[in-house]
Amino acid sequence: MTSRLRSLLVALPAAALACGLPATVLAQAQGFRLDPVHTRVLVGVDHAGYSTALGTISGSTGLVAFDPGDWRRARVDVRVPLQRLDLGDAGWNRAAQRMLDAGTHPEARFISSEVEPIDARHARACGTLYLHGRQQPLCMDVAFNQSRREPLPPFRDKAGFSATATLRRSDFGIDDWATLVGDEVALRIEAEGARDDAVLAELEARTP
């Protein structure tokens, strides 16, 4: 190994640390900050066997690191404001807030730990879901929709993702009305993020 190459190999990690990022992420990953207006969570739960009750949550925030060429570099940290759950009826909304104990635990948070690619546009993201004062492993099936400059002002570079997952509310100690409300909860997430590479350093610094 020449002295010049040895110096280069030493300098690269140092430069990455100076920027607060690991060399692998610094090399290719792109940072995206979720757009709360265009990010929404759909929740589906059985209603006494009659139908699937549907609710939506707007206003989620979060950080995404994404390399279109390598899903394994992807990282996600998303916060969902549970007090914004809307089931379409004021009474249902109040009941849901009581079940979730949203006054004490106002948000759910998902932090990925591993992303396994399926193909160029699909992957399985696994990590930890923090909900109702508890934490449990959760895996999500994720689709990458597109990444390009948005066609309207402020003309930001954006990326869009769709994801689905299933959880059991009893795993998080939410077991009210067990004979009326199903235990299994289906999730669908539609997310848009605006390009912001400062997100990469934030992801490295964040802890649950």
N, C-alpha and C. Protein backbone atom coordinates (compact mmCIF):
# COMPACT_ATOMS: atom_id res chain seq x y z
N MET A 1 0.85 -1.19 0.00
CA MET A 1 0.00 0.00 0.00
C MET A 1 0.89 1.24 0.00
N THR A 2 0.67 2.14 -0.94
CA THR A 2 1.47 3.35 -1.01
C THR A 2 1.13 4.27 0.15
N SER A 3 2.06 5.18 0.47
CA SER A 3 1.81 6.12 1.57
C SER A 3 0.66 7.06 1.24
N ARG A 4 0.48 7.40 -0.04
CA ARG A 4 -0.61 8.29 -0.43
C ARG A 4 -1.97 7.62 -0.21
N LEU A 5 -2.08 6.32 -0.60
CA LEU A 5 -3.33 5.60 -0.41
C LEU A 5 -3.62 5.42 1.07
N ARG A 6 -2.57 5.13 1.86
CA ARG A 6 -2.75 4.96 3.29
C ARG A 6 -3.27 6.25 3.92
N SER A 7 -2.76 7.38 3.50
CA SER A 7 -3.20 8.67 4.03
C SER A 7 -4.65 8.94 3.67
N LEU A 8 -5.04 8.54 2.44
CA LEU A 8 -6.41 8.74 2.00
C LEU A 8 -7.38 7.91 2.83
N LEU A 9 -7.02 6.65 3.10
CA LEU A 9 -7.89 5.77 3.87
C LEU A 9 -8.04 6.27 5.29
N VAL A 10 -7.04 6.88 5.84
CA VAL A 10 -7.13 7.45 7.19
C VAL A 10 -7.97 8.71 7.18
N ALA A 11 -7.86 9.50 6.14
CA ALA A 11 -8.55 10.80 6.09
C ALA A 11 -10.04 10.66 5.88
N LEU A 12 -10.49 9.64 5.12
CA LEU A 12 -11.91 9.52 4.83
C LEU A 12 -12.77 9.33 6.07
N PRO A 13 -12.47 8.39 6.98
CA PRO A 13 -13.29 8.28 8.18
C PRO A 13 -13.25 9.53 9.02
N ALA A 14 -12.10 10.19 9.09
CA ALA A 14 -12.01 11.41 9.88
C ALA A 14 -12.91 12.49 9.32
N ALA A 15 -12.97 12.60 8.00
CA ALA A 15 -13.84 13.60 7.38
C ALA A 15 -15.30 13.29 7.67
N ALA A 16 -15.64 11.99 7.63
CA ALA A 16 -17.03 11.62 7.93
C ALA A 16 -17.39 11.97 9.35
N LEU A 17 -16.50 11.70 10.30
CA LEU A 17 -16.78 12.02 11.69
C LEU A 17 -16.91 13.51 11.90
N ALA A 18 -16.13 14.28 11.17
CA ALA A 18 -16.21 15.73 11.29
C ALA A 18 -17.58 16.25 10.88
N CYS A 19 -18.24 15.53 9.98
CA CYS A 19 -19.58 15.93 9.54
C CYS A 19 -20.67 15.29 10.39
N GLY A 20 -20.28 14.45 11.35
CA GLY A 20 -21.27 13.80 12.20
C GLY A 20 -21.94 12.61 11.56
N LEU A 21 -21.37 12.06 10.49
CA LEU A 21 -22.00 10.97 9.75
C LEU A 21 -21.01 9.84 9.54
N PRO A 22 -21.48 8.57 9.53
CA PRO A 22 -20.60 7.47 9.16
C PRO A 22 -20.29 7.52 7.68
N ALA A 23 -19.11 7.00 7.31
CA ALA A 23 -18.69 7.09 5.91
C ALA A 23 -19.67 6.42 4.98
N THR A 24 -20.28 5.27 5.41
CA THR A 24 -21.18 4.55 4.53
C THR A 24 -22.42 5.37 4.21
N VAL A 25 -22.97 6.08 5.19
CA VAL A 25 -24.14 6.92 4.94
C VAL A 25 -23.76 8.16 4.17
N LEU A 26 -22.64 8.76 4.53
CA LEU A 26 -22.20 9.99 3.88
C LEU A 26 -22.00 9.79 2.39
N ALA A 27 -21.59 8.58 2.00
CA ALA A 27 -21.24 8.34 0.61
C ALA A 27 -22.43 8.46 -0.34
N GLN A 28 -23.59 7.89 0.02
CA GLN A 28 -24.66 7.82 -0.97
C GLN A 28 -26.06 8.13 -0.45
N ALA A 29 -26.33 7.96 0.84
CA ALA A 29 -27.69 8.13 1.34
C ALA A 29 -28.18 9.57 1.19
N GLN A 30 -29.46 9.70 0.97
CA GLN A 30 -30.12 10.99 0.90
C GLN A 30 -31.01 11.15 2.13
N GLY A 31 -31.12 12.36 2.65
CA GLY A 31 -31.96 12.62 3.80
C GLY A 31 -33.27 13.26 3.39
N PHE A 32 -34.37 12.83 4.04
CA PHE A 32 -35.69 13.39 3.77
C PHE A 32 -36.40 13.66 5.10
N ARG A 33 -37.02 14.83 5.21
CA ARG A 33 -37.81 15.18 6.38
C ARG A 33 -39.28 15.05 6.01
N LEU A 34 -40.03 14.24 6.76
CA LEU A 34 -41.42 13.99 6.40
C LEU A 34 -42.24 15.26 6.37
N ASP A 35 -43.11 15.34 5.38
CA ASP A 35 -44.04 16.44 5.21
C ASP A 35 -45.33 16.07 5.96
N PRO A 36 -45.64 16.73 7.10
CA PRO A 36 -46.82 16.34 7.89
C PRO A 36 -48.14 16.49 7.14
N VAL A 37 -48.18 17.40 6.16
CA VAL A 37 -49.42 17.63 5.42
C VAL A 37 -49.72 16.46 4.49
N HIS A 38 -48.68 15.87 3.91
CA HIS A 38 -48.86 14.81 2.93
C HIS A 38 -48.42 13.44 3.46
N THR A 39 -48.39 13.31 4.76
CA THR A 39 -48.10 12.02 5.39
C THR A 39 -49.29 11.66 6.27
N ARG A 40 -49.85 10.48 6.06
CA ARG A 40 -51.04 10.09 6.81
C ARG A 40 -51.01 8.59 7.11
N VAL A 41 -51.52 8.26 8.29
CA VAL A 41 -51.60 6.87 8.75
C VAL A 41 -53.07 6.45 8.75
N LEU A 42 -53.36 5.31 8.12
CA LEU A 42 -54.70 4.74 8.13
C LEU A 42 -54.69 3.54 9.08
N VAL A 43 -55.67 3.50 10.00
CA VAL A 43 -55.78 2.44 10.99
C VAL A 43 -57.07 1.68 10.73
N GLY A 44 -57.01 0.35 10.71
CA GLY A 44 -58.19 -0.48 10.53
C GLY A 44 -58.29 -1.51 11.63
N VAL A 45 -59.48 -1.61 12.28
CA VAL A 45 -59.67 -2.57 13.37
C VAL A 45 -61.09 -3.11 13.31
N ASP A 46 -61.24 -4.39 13.60
CA ASP A 46 -62.56 -5.04 13.53
C ASP A 46 -63.53 -4.44 14.54
N HIS A 47 -64.77 -4.17 14.08
CA HIS A 47 -65.83 -3.66 14.95
C HIS A 47 -66.89 -4.75 15.16
N ALA A 48 -66.65 -5.56 16.20
CA ALA A 48 -67.60 -6.59 16.63
C ALA A 48 -68.00 -7.54 15.51
N GLY A 49 -67.15 -7.70 14.50
CA GLY A 49 -67.45 -8.60 13.41
C GLY A 49 -68.33 -8.02 12.33
N TYR A 50 -68.85 -6.80 12.55
CA TYR A 50 -69.75 -6.19 11.58
C TYR A 50 -68.99 -5.54 10.41
N SER A 51 -67.91 -4.87 10.73
CA SER A 51 -67.17 -4.15 9.70
C SER A 51 -65.78 -3.84 10.24
N THR A 52 -64.95 -3.28 9.39
CA THR A 52 -63.64 -2.79 9.82
C THR A 52 -63.74 -1.29 10.03
N ALA A 53 -63.57 -0.86 11.27
CA ALA A 53 -63.58 0.57 11.56
C ALA A 53 -62.27 1.18 11.08
N LEU A 54 -62.40 2.31 10.37
CA LEU A 54 -61.23 2.97 9.79
C LEU A 54 -61.03 4.34 10.42
N GLY A 55 -59.79 4.64 10.73
CA GLY A 55 -59.44 5.96 11.24
C GLY A 55 -58.16 6.43 10.58
N THR A 56 -57.96 7.73 10.57
CA THR A 56 -56.75 8.29 9.98
C THR A 56 -56.08 9.23 10.98
N ILE A 57 -54.78 9.32 10.85
CA ILE A 57 -53.99 10.22 11.68
C ILE A 57 -53.15 11.10 10.76
N SER A 58 -53.32 12.39 10.87
CA SER A 58 -52.52 13.33 10.09
C SER A 58 -51.46 13.96 11.00
N GLY A 59 -50.50 14.64 10.38
CA GLY A 59 -49.53 15.41 11.16
C GLY A 59 -48.31 14.65 11.63
N SER A 60 -48.06 13.47 11.09
CA SER A 60 -46.86 12.73 11.52
C SER A 60 -45.60 13.45 11.07
N THR A 61 -44.55 13.31 11.86
CA THR A 61 -43.25 13.90 11.54
C THR A 61 -42.20 12.81 11.59
N GLY A 62 -41.06 13.06 10.97
CA GLY A 62 -40.02 12.05 11.04
C GLY A 62 -38.89 12.29 10.07
N LEU A 63 -37.92 11.39 10.16
CA LEU A 63 -36.69 11.47 9.38
C LEU A 63 -36.48 10.18 8.61
N VAL A 64 -36.01 10.31 7.38
CA VAL A 64 -35.74 9.14 6.54
C VAL A 64 -34.39 9.32 5.87
N ALA A 65 -33.55 8.32 5.97
CA ALA A 65 -32.33 8.24 5.17
C ALA A 65 -32.56 7.17 4.12
N PHE A 66 -32.29 7.51 2.86
CA PHE A 66 -32.63 6.58 1.78
C PHE A 66 -31.62 6.66 0.66
N ASP A 67 -31.13 5.51 0.27
CA ASP A 67 -30.24 5.37 -0.89
C ASP A 67 -30.99 4.55 -1.92
N PRO A 68 -31.43 5.16 -3.03
CA PRO A 68 -32.20 4.42 -4.04
C PRO A 68 -31.47 3.19 -4.57
N GLY A 69 -30.15 3.17 -4.47
CA GLY A 69 -29.39 2.04 -4.98
C GLY A 69 -29.13 0.95 -3.95
N ASP A 70 -29.45 1.20 -2.69
CA ASP A 70 -29.15 0.22 -1.65
C ASP A 70 -30.11 0.42 -0.48
N TRP A 71 -31.18 -0.35 -0.45
CA TRP A 71 -32.18 -0.26 0.62
C TRP A 71 -31.56 -0.48 1.99
N ARG A 72 -30.48 -1.23 2.07
CA ARG A 72 -29.90 -1.56 3.39
C ARG A 72 -29.38 -0.32 4.10
N ARG A 73 -29.15 0.75 3.39
CA ARG A 73 -28.70 2.00 4.01
C ARG A 73 -29.87 2.79 4.62
N ALA A 74 -31.09 2.40 4.30
CA ALA A 74 -32.25 3.18 4.73
C ALA A 74 -32.42 3.14 6.24
N ARG A 75 -32.85 4.26 6.79
CA ARG A 75 -33.17 4.36 8.21
C ARG A 75 -34.40 5.24 8.36
N VAL A 76 -35.22 4.94 9.37
CA VAL A 76 -36.48 5.65 9.57
C VAL A 76 -36.68 5.95 11.06
N ASP A 77 -37.14 7.15 11.35
CA ASP A 77 -37.55 7.52 12.71
C ASP A 77 -38.80 8.38 12.55
N VAL A 78 -39.97 7.82 12.89
CA VAL A 78 -41.26 8.49 12.64
C VAL A 78 -42.04 8.61 13.94
N ARG A 79 -42.66 9.78 14.13
CA ARG A 79 -43.52 10.05 15.29
C ARG A 79 -44.95 10.31 14.80
N VAL A 80 -45.91 9.63 15.43
CA VAL A 80 -47.32 9.72 15.03
C VAL A 80 -48.13 10.31 16.19
N PRO A 81 -48.78 11.47 16.00
CA PRO A 81 -49.55 12.11 17.07
C PRO A 81 -50.91 11.44 17.28
N LEU A 82 -51.03 10.62 18.31
CA LEU A 82 -52.23 9.82 18.51
C LEU A 82 -53.47 10.66 18.81
N GLN A 83 -53.29 11.85 19.34
CA GLN A 83 -54.44 12.69 19.65
C GLN A 83 -55.13 13.21 18.40
N ARG A 84 -54.53 12.97 17.25
CA ARG A 84 -55.14 13.39 15.98
C ARG A 84 -55.85 12.24 15.27
N LEU A 85 -56.00 11.11 15.96
CA LEU A 85 -56.74 10.00 15.38
C LEU A 85 -58.20 10.40 15.17
N ASP A 86 -58.68 10.21 13.95
CA ASP A 86 -60.05 10.60 13.59
C ASP A 86 -60.78 9.39 13.02
N LEU A 87 -61.80 8.92 13.76
CA LEU A 87 -62.62 7.80 13.33
C LEU A 87 -63.93 8.25 12.71
N GLY A 88 -64.07 9.55 12.50
CA GLY A 88 -65.25 10.08 11.82
C GLY A 88 -66.42 10.38 12.72
N ASP A 89 -66.25 10.25 14.04
CA ASP A 89 -67.34 10.50 14.97
C ASP A 89 -66.74 10.97 16.30
N ALA A 90 -67.31 12.02 16.88
CA ALA A 90 -66.75 12.59 18.10
C ALA A 90 -66.74 11.58 19.24
N GLY A 91 -67.82 10.80 19.37
CA GLY A 91 -67.88 9.80 20.44
C GLY A 91 -66.83 8.72 20.27
N TRP A 92 -66.68 8.23 19.05
CA TRP A 92 -65.65 7.23 18.77
C TRP A 92 -64.26 7.79 19.03
N ASN A 93 -64.05 9.05 18.65
CA ASN A 93 -62.74 9.66 18.88
C ASN A 93 -62.41 9.73 20.36
N ARG A 94 -63.40 10.11 21.19
CA ARG A 94 -63.15 10.18 22.63
C ARG A 94 -62.86 8.79 23.20
N ALA A 95 -63.60 7.79 22.73
CA ALA A 95 -63.37 6.42 23.20
C ALA A 95 -61.97 5.94 22.82
N ALA A 96 -61.55 6.25 21.60
CA ALA A 96 -60.21 5.84 21.15
C ALA A 96 -59.12 6.52 21.97
N GLN A 97 -59.32 7.80 22.31
CA GLN A 97 -58.34 8.51 23.12
C GLN A 97 -58.21 7.88 24.50
N ARG A 98 -59.36 7.43 25.06
CA ARG A 98 -59.31 6.76 26.35
C ARG A 98 -58.58 5.43 26.26
N MET A 99 -58.88 4.67 25.21
CA MET A 99 -58.23 3.37 25.04
C MET A 99 -56.72 3.51 24.88
N LEU A 100 -56.31 4.51 24.13
CA LEU A 100 -54.89 4.73 23.88
C LEU A 100 -54.20 5.44 25.03
N ASP A 101 -55.01 5.99 25.96
CA ASP A 101 -54.46 6.81 27.04
C ASP A 101 -53.58 7.90 26.45
N ALA A 102 -54.14 8.56 25.42
CA ALA A 102 -53.36 9.50 24.62
C ALA A 102 -52.93 10.74 25.40
N GLY A 103 -53.62 11.04 26.49
CA GLY A 103 -53.18 12.16 27.31
C GLY A 103 -51.84 11.91 27.96
N THR A 104 -51.60 10.66 28.36
CA THR A 104 -50.34 10.28 28.99
C THR A 104 -49.30 9.86 27.96
N HIS A 105 -49.76 9.19 26.91
CA HIS A 105 -48.85 8.70 25.86
C HIS A 105 -49.31 9.30 24.52
N PRO A 106 -48.98 10.55 24.25
CA PRO A 106 -49.57 11.26 23.11
C PRO A 106 -49.05 10.86 21.74
N GLU A 107 -48.00 10.07 21.65
CA GLU A 107 -47.49 9.71 20.34
C GLU A 107 -47.01 8.28 20.29
N ALA A 108 -47.03 7.73 19.08
CA ALA A 108 -46.37 6.47 18.79
C ALA A 108 -45.10 6.80 18.01
N ARG A 109 -44.10 5.95 18.16
CA ARG A 109 -42.83 6.21 17.47
C ARG A 109 -42.27 4.91 16.93
N PHE A 110 -41.85 4.93 15.68
CA PHE A 110 -41.22 3.76 15.06
C PHE A 110 -39.80 4.12 14.67
N ILE A 111 -38.85 3.29 15.11
CA ILE A 111 -37.44 3.48 14.76
C ILE A 111 -36.96 2.19 14.11
N SER A 112 -36.49 2.28 12.89
CA SER A 112 -36.03 1.09 12.18
C SER A 112 -34.66 0.66 12.68
N SER A 113 -34.41 -0.64 12.61
CA SER A 113 -33.09 -1.17 12.95
C SER A 113 -32.47 -1.94 11.79
N GLU A 114 -33.32 -2.39 10.86
CA GLU A 114 -32.83 -3.19 9.73
C GLU A 114 -33.80 -3.08 8.57
N VAL A 115 -33.28 -2.90 7.39
CA VAL A 115 -34.11 -2.85 6.19
C VAL A 115 -33.56 -3.86 5.19
N GLU A 116 -34.41 -4.81 4.79
CA GLU A 116 -34.01 -5.84 3.85
C GLU A 116 -34.70 -5.63 2.51
N PRO A 117 -33.94 -5.45 1.44
CA PRO A 117 -34.56 -5.23 0.13
C PRO A 117 -35.25 -6.47 -0.40
N ILE A 118 -36.36 -6.25 -1.10
CA ILE A 118 -37.06 -7.32 -1.81
C ILE A 118 -36.76 -7.22 -3.30
N ASP A 119 -36.91 -6.00 -3.81
CA ASP A 119 -36.48 -5.68 -5.17
C ASP A 119 -36.16 -4.19 -5.19
N ALA A 120 -36.01 -3.61 -6.39
CA ALA A 120 -35.57 -2.22 -6.48
C ALA A 120 -36.53 -1.25 -5.82
N ARG A 121 -37.82 -1.59 -5.73
CA ARG A 121 -38.81 -0.66 -5.20
C ARG A 121 -39.52 -1.15 -3.94
N HIS A 122 -39.13 -2.28 -3.43
CA HIS A 122 -39.81 -2.83 -2.25
C HIS A 122 -38.81 -3.37 -1.24
N ALA A 123 -39.15 -3.21 0.04
CA ALA A 123 -38.28 -3.70 1.10
C ALA A 123 -39.11 -3.99 2.34
N ARG A 124 -38.49 -4.66 3.29
CA ARG A 124 -39.13 -4.92 4.59
C ARG A 124 -38.30 -4.22 5.65
N ALA A 125 -38.92 -3.27 6.32
CA ALA A 125 -38.23 -2.48 7.35
C ALA A 125 -38.67 -2.97 8.73
N CYS A 126 -37.72 -3.41 9.51
CA CYS A 126 -38.02 -3.90 10.86
C CYS A 126 -37.36 -3.00 11.89
N GLY A 127 -38.02 -2.89 13.03
CA GLY A 127 -37.49 -2.05 14.09
C GLY A 127 -38.35 -2.16 15.33
N THR A 128 -38.47 -1.06 16.06
CA THR A 128 -39.20 -1.04 17.32
C THR A 128 -40.30 0.00 17.27
N LEU A 129 -41.50 -0.41 17.70
CA LEU A 129 -42.62 0.51 17.83
C LEU A 129 -42.82 0.82 19.31
N TYR A 130 -42.82 2.11 19.64
CA TYR A 130 -43.07 2.58 20.99
C TYR A 130 -44.50 3.10 21.03
N LEU A 131 -45.33 2.47 21.88
CA LEU A 131 -46.75 2.80 21.91
C LEU A 131 -47.30 2.50 23.30
N HIS A 132 -48.06 3.44 23.85
CA HIS A 132 -48.76 3.22 25.12
C HIS A 132 -47.80 2.85 26.25
N GLY A 133 -46.62 3.46 26.22
CA GLY A 133 -45.64 3.21 27.26
C GLY A 133 -44.91 1.89 27.14
N ARG A 134 -45.11 1.17 26.05
CA ARG A 134 -44.43 -0.10 25.83
C ARG A 134 -43.69 -0.08 24.50
N GLN A 135 -42.87 -1.08 24.30
CA GLN A 135 -42.16 -1.21 23.02
C GLN A 135 -42.18 -2.67 22.58
N GLN A 136 -42.39 -2.83 21.27
CA GLN A 136 -42.46 -4.16 20.68
C GLN A 136 -41.82 -4.11 19.29
N PRO A 137 -41.26 -5.24 18.83
CA PRO A 137 -40.74 -5.27 17.45
C PRO A 137 -41.87 -5.17 16.44
N LEU A 138 -41.58 -4.52 15.33
CA LEU A 138 -42.57 -4.36 14.26
C LEU A 138 -41.85 -4.35 12.93
N CYS A 139 -42.41 -5.06 11.95
CA CYS A 139 -41.88 -5.03 10.59
C CYS A 139 -42.93 -4.43 9.66
N MET A 140 -42.46 -3.64 8.71
CA MET A 140 -43.34 -2.96 7.77
C MET A 140 -42.91 -3.31 6.35
N ASP A 141 -43.89 -3.55 5.48
CA ASP A 141 -43.62 -3.74 4.06
C ASP A 141 -43.68 -2.37 3.39
N VAL A 142 -42.58 -1.98 2.77
CA VAL A 142 -42.43 -0.62 2.26
C VAL A 142 -42.26 -0.62 0.75
N ALA A 143 -42.94 0.31 0.10
CA ALA A 143 -42.78 0.52 -1.34
C ALA A 143 -42.26 1.93 -1.57
N PHE A 144 -41.25 2.05 -2.42
CA PHE A 144 -40.72 3.35 -2.85
C PHE A 144 -41.48 3.76 -4.09
N ASN A 145 -42.21 4.87 -4.01
CA ASN A 145 -43.05 5.30 -5.12
C ASN A 145 -42.28 6.09 -6.17
N GLN A 146 -41.63 7.16 -5.73
CA GLN A 146 -40.81 7.94 -6.66
C GLN A 146 -40.03 8.99 -5.89
N SER A 147 -39.03 9.54 -6.56
CA SER A 147 -38.25 10.66 -6.01
C SER A 147 -37.96 11.62 -7.16
N ARG A 148 -38.47 12.85 -7.03
CA ARG A 148 -38.23 13.86 -8.06
C ARG A 148 -38.60 15.23 -7.51
N ARG A 149 -38.34 16.25 -8.28
CA ARG A 149 -38.69 17.60 -7.86
C ARG A 149 -40.19 17.79 -7.97
N GLU A 150 -40.82 18.36 -6.92
CA GLU A 150 -42.27 18.54 -6.96
C GLU A 150 -42.64 19.60 -7.98
N PRO A 151 -43.81 19.46 -8.64
CA PRO A 151 -44.17 20.34 -9.75
C PRO A 151 -44.75 21.69 -9.33
N LEU A 152 -44.96 21.91 -8.04
CA LEU A 152 -45.53 23.18 -7.56
C LEU A 152 -44.59 23.82 -6.55
N PRO A 153 -44.69 25.15 -6.37
CA PRO A 153 -43.85 25.81 -5.36
C PRO A 153 -44.04 25.17 -4.00
N PRO A 154 -42.98 25.04 -3.21
CA PRO A 154 -41.65 25.64 -3.38
C PRO A 154 -40.66 24.80 -4.19
N PHE A 155 -41.14 23.86 -5.02
CA PHE A 155 -40.30 23.09 -5.93
C PHE A 155 -39.18 22.34 -5.21
N ARG A 156 -39.53 21.65 -4.15
CA ARG A 156 -38.54 20.89 -3.40
C ARG A 156 -38.33 19.51 -4.05
N ASP A 157 -37.16 18.93 -3.80
CA ASP A 157 -36.94 17.53 -4.16
C ASP A 157 -37.64 16.68 -3.11
N LYS A 158 -38.50 15.76 -3.56
CA LYS A 158 -39.28 14.96 -2.62
C LYS A 158 -39.22 13.48 -2.99
N ALA A 159 -39.50 12.66 -1.99
CA ALA A 159 -39.62 11.21 -2.20
C ALA A 159 -40.91 10.75 -1.55
N GLY A 160 -41.53 9.74 -2.16
CA GLY A 160 -42.78 9.22 -1.62
C GLY A 160 -42.70 7.73 -1.36
N PHE A 161 -43.30 7.31 -0.24
CA PHE A 161 -43.28 5.91 0.18
C PHE A 161 -44.66 5.48 0.64
N SER A 162 -44.97 4.20 0.48
CA SER A 162 -46.17 3.59 1.04
C SER A 162 -45.73 2.39 1.87
N ALA A 163 -46.44 2.15 2.99
CA ALA A 163 -46.05 1.05 3.85
C ALA A 163 -47.28 0.44 4.51
N THR A 164 -47.19 -0.84 4.83
CA THR A 164 -48.26 -1.54 5.54
C THR A 164 -47.64 -2.37 6.66
N ALA A 165 -48.43 -2.58 7.71
CA ALA A 165 -47.98 -3.39 8.84
C ALA A 165 -49.20 -3.85 9.62
N THR A 166 -49.01 -4.83 10.48
CA THR A 166 -50.07 -5.33 11.36
C THR A 166 -49.51 -5.48 12.76
N LEU A 167 -50.29 -5.08 13.76
CA LEU A 167 -49.87 -5.24 15.14
C LEU A 167 -51.05 -5.74 15.97
N ARG A 168 -50.76 -6.21 17.18
CA ARG A 168 -51.80 -6.58 18.13
C ARG A 168 -51.79 -5.56 19.26
N ARG A 169 -52.93 -4.93 19.46
CA ARG A 169 -52.98 -3.87 20.47
C ARG A 169 -52.74 -4.40 21.87
N SER A 170 -53.11 -5.66 22.11
CA SER A 170 -52.89 -6.25 23.43
C SER A 170 -51.41 -6.36 23.77
N ASP A 171 -50.54 -6.45 22.76
CA ASP A 171 -49.10 -6.49 23.00
C ASP A 171 -48.61 -5.20 23.65
N PHE A 172 -49.39 -4.14 23.51
CA PHE A 172 -49.04 -2.84 24.08
C PHE A 172 -49.91 -2.48 25.28
N GLY A 173 -50.61 -3.48 25.82
CA GLY A 173 -51.43 -3.24 26.99
C GLY A 173 -52.72 -2.51 26.71
N ILE A 174 -53.16 -2.50 25.45
CA ILE A 174 -54.41 -1.85 25.07
C ILE A 174 -55.44 -2.96 24.85
N ASP A 175 -56.18 -3.31 25.89
CA ASP A 175 -57.06 -4.47 25.79
C ASP A 175 -58.51 -4.15 26.17
N ASP A 176 -58.89 -2.87 26.16
CA ASP A 176 -60.27 -2.48 26.44
C ASP A 176 -61.23 -3.06 25.40
N TRP A 177 -62.47 -3.36 25.82
CA TRP A 177 -63.53 -3.77 24.92
C TRP A 177 -63.12 -4.94 24.02
N ALA A 178 -62.53 -5.94 24.64
CA ALA A 178 -61.97 -7.05 23.86
C ALA A 178 -63.02 -7.79 23.05
N THR A 179 -64.30 -7.78 23.51
CA THR A 179 -65.35 -8.49 22.78
C THR A 179 -65.96 -7.64 21.67
N LEU A 180 -65.65 -6.35 21.65
CA LEU A 180 -66.23 -5.45 20.65
C LEU A 180 -65.22 -4.92 19.65
N VAL A 181 -63.99 -4.77 20.09
CA VAL A 181 -62.95 -4.20 19.23
C VAL A 181 -61.87 -5.25 19.01
N GLY A 182 -61.53 -5.49 17.76
CA GLY A 182 -60.55 -6.52 17.44
C GLY A 182 -59.18 -6.24 18.03
N ASP A 183 -58.43 -7.32 18.24
CA ASP A 183 -57.07 -7.18 18.77
C ASP A 183 -56.09 -6.79 17.67
N GLU A 184 -56.30 -7.31 16.47
CA GLU A 184 -55.38 -7.03 15.36
C GLU A 184 -55.69 -5.68 14.74
N VAL A 185 -54.66 -4.90 14.56
CA VAL A 185 -54.79 -3.56 13.98
C VAL A 185 -53.96 -3.49 12.71
N ALA A 186 -54.60 -3.15 11.60
CA ALA A 186 -53.90 -3.00 10.32
C ALA A 186 -53.49 -1.55 10.13
N LEU A 187 -52.29 -1.34 9.67
CA LEU A 187 -51.77 0.01 9.43
C LEU A 187 -51.42 0.18 7.96
N ARG A 188 -51.74 1.34 7.44
CA ARG A 188 -51.27 1.74 6.11
C ARG A 188 -50.73 3.16 6.23
N ILE A 189 -49.53 3.37 5.73
CA ILE A 189 -48.89 4.68 5.83
C ILE A 189 -48.57 5.19 4.44
N GLU A 190 -48.99 6.41 4.17
CA GLU A 190 -48.61 7.11 2.95
C GLU A 190 -47.75 8.30 3.37
N ALA A 191 -46.53 8.34 2.87
CA ALA A 191 -45.58 9.35 3.36
C ALA A 191 -44.86 10.05 2.23
N GLU A 192 -44.68 11.35 2.41
CA GLU A 192 -43.84 12.16 1.51
C GLU A 192 -42.81 12.88 2.35
N GLY A 193 -41.60 12.94 1.83
CA GLY A 193 -40.53 13.64 2.53
C GLY A 193 -39.82 14.61 1.61
N ALA A 194 -39.44 15.76 2.15
CA ALA A 194 -38.68 16.76 1.39
C ALA A 194 -37.19 16.55 1.63
N ARG A 195 -36.40 16.69 0.60
CA ARG A 195 -34.95 16.45 0.69
C ARG A 195 -34.31 17.41 1.69
N ASP A 196 -33.58 16.86 2.63
CA ASP A 196 -32.88 17.66 3.64
C ASP A 196 -31.77 16.77 4.20
N ASP A 197 -30.56 16.95 3.71
CA ASP A 197 -29.49 16.06 4.12
C ASP A 197 -29.01 16.30 5.54
N ALA A 198 -29.48 17.38 6.19
CA ALA A 198 -29.19 17.57 7.61
C ALA A 198 -29.83 16.46 8.44
N VAL A 199 -30.84 15.80 7.86
CA VAL A 199 -31.51 14.69 8.53
C VAL A 199 -30.53 13.57 8.88
N LEU A 200 -29.51 13.36 8.06
CA LEU A 200 -28.57 12.26 8.28
C LEU A 200 -27.87 12.40 9.62
N ALA A 201 -27.40 13.61 9.93
CA ALA A 201 -26.75 13.83 11.21
C ALA A 201 -27.74 13.70 12.37
N GLU A 202 -28.98 14.14 12.16
CA GLU A 202 -30.00 14.04 13.20
C GLU A 202 -30.31 12.58 13.52
N LEU A 203 -30.35 11.74 12.50
CA LEU A 203 -30.62 10.32 12.73
C LEU A 203 -29.50 9.68 13.56
N GLU A 204 -28.26 10.08 13.30
CA GLU A 204 -27.15 9.53 14.06
C GLU A 204 -27.20 9.94 15.52
N ALA A 205 -27.71 11.13 15.78
CA ALA A 205 -27.71 11.67 17.15
C ALA A 205 -28.91 11.23 17.96
N ARG A 206 -29.99 10.79 17.30
CA ARG A 206 -31.23 10.51 18.01
C ARG A 206 -31.18 9.18 18.75
N THR A 207 -31.87 9.16 19.88
CA THR A 207 -32.06 7.94 20.66
C THR A 207 -33.53 7.88 21.05
N PRO A 208 -34.08 6.68 21.33
CA PRO A 208 -35.49 6.55 21.71
C PRO A 208 -35.82 7.37 22.95
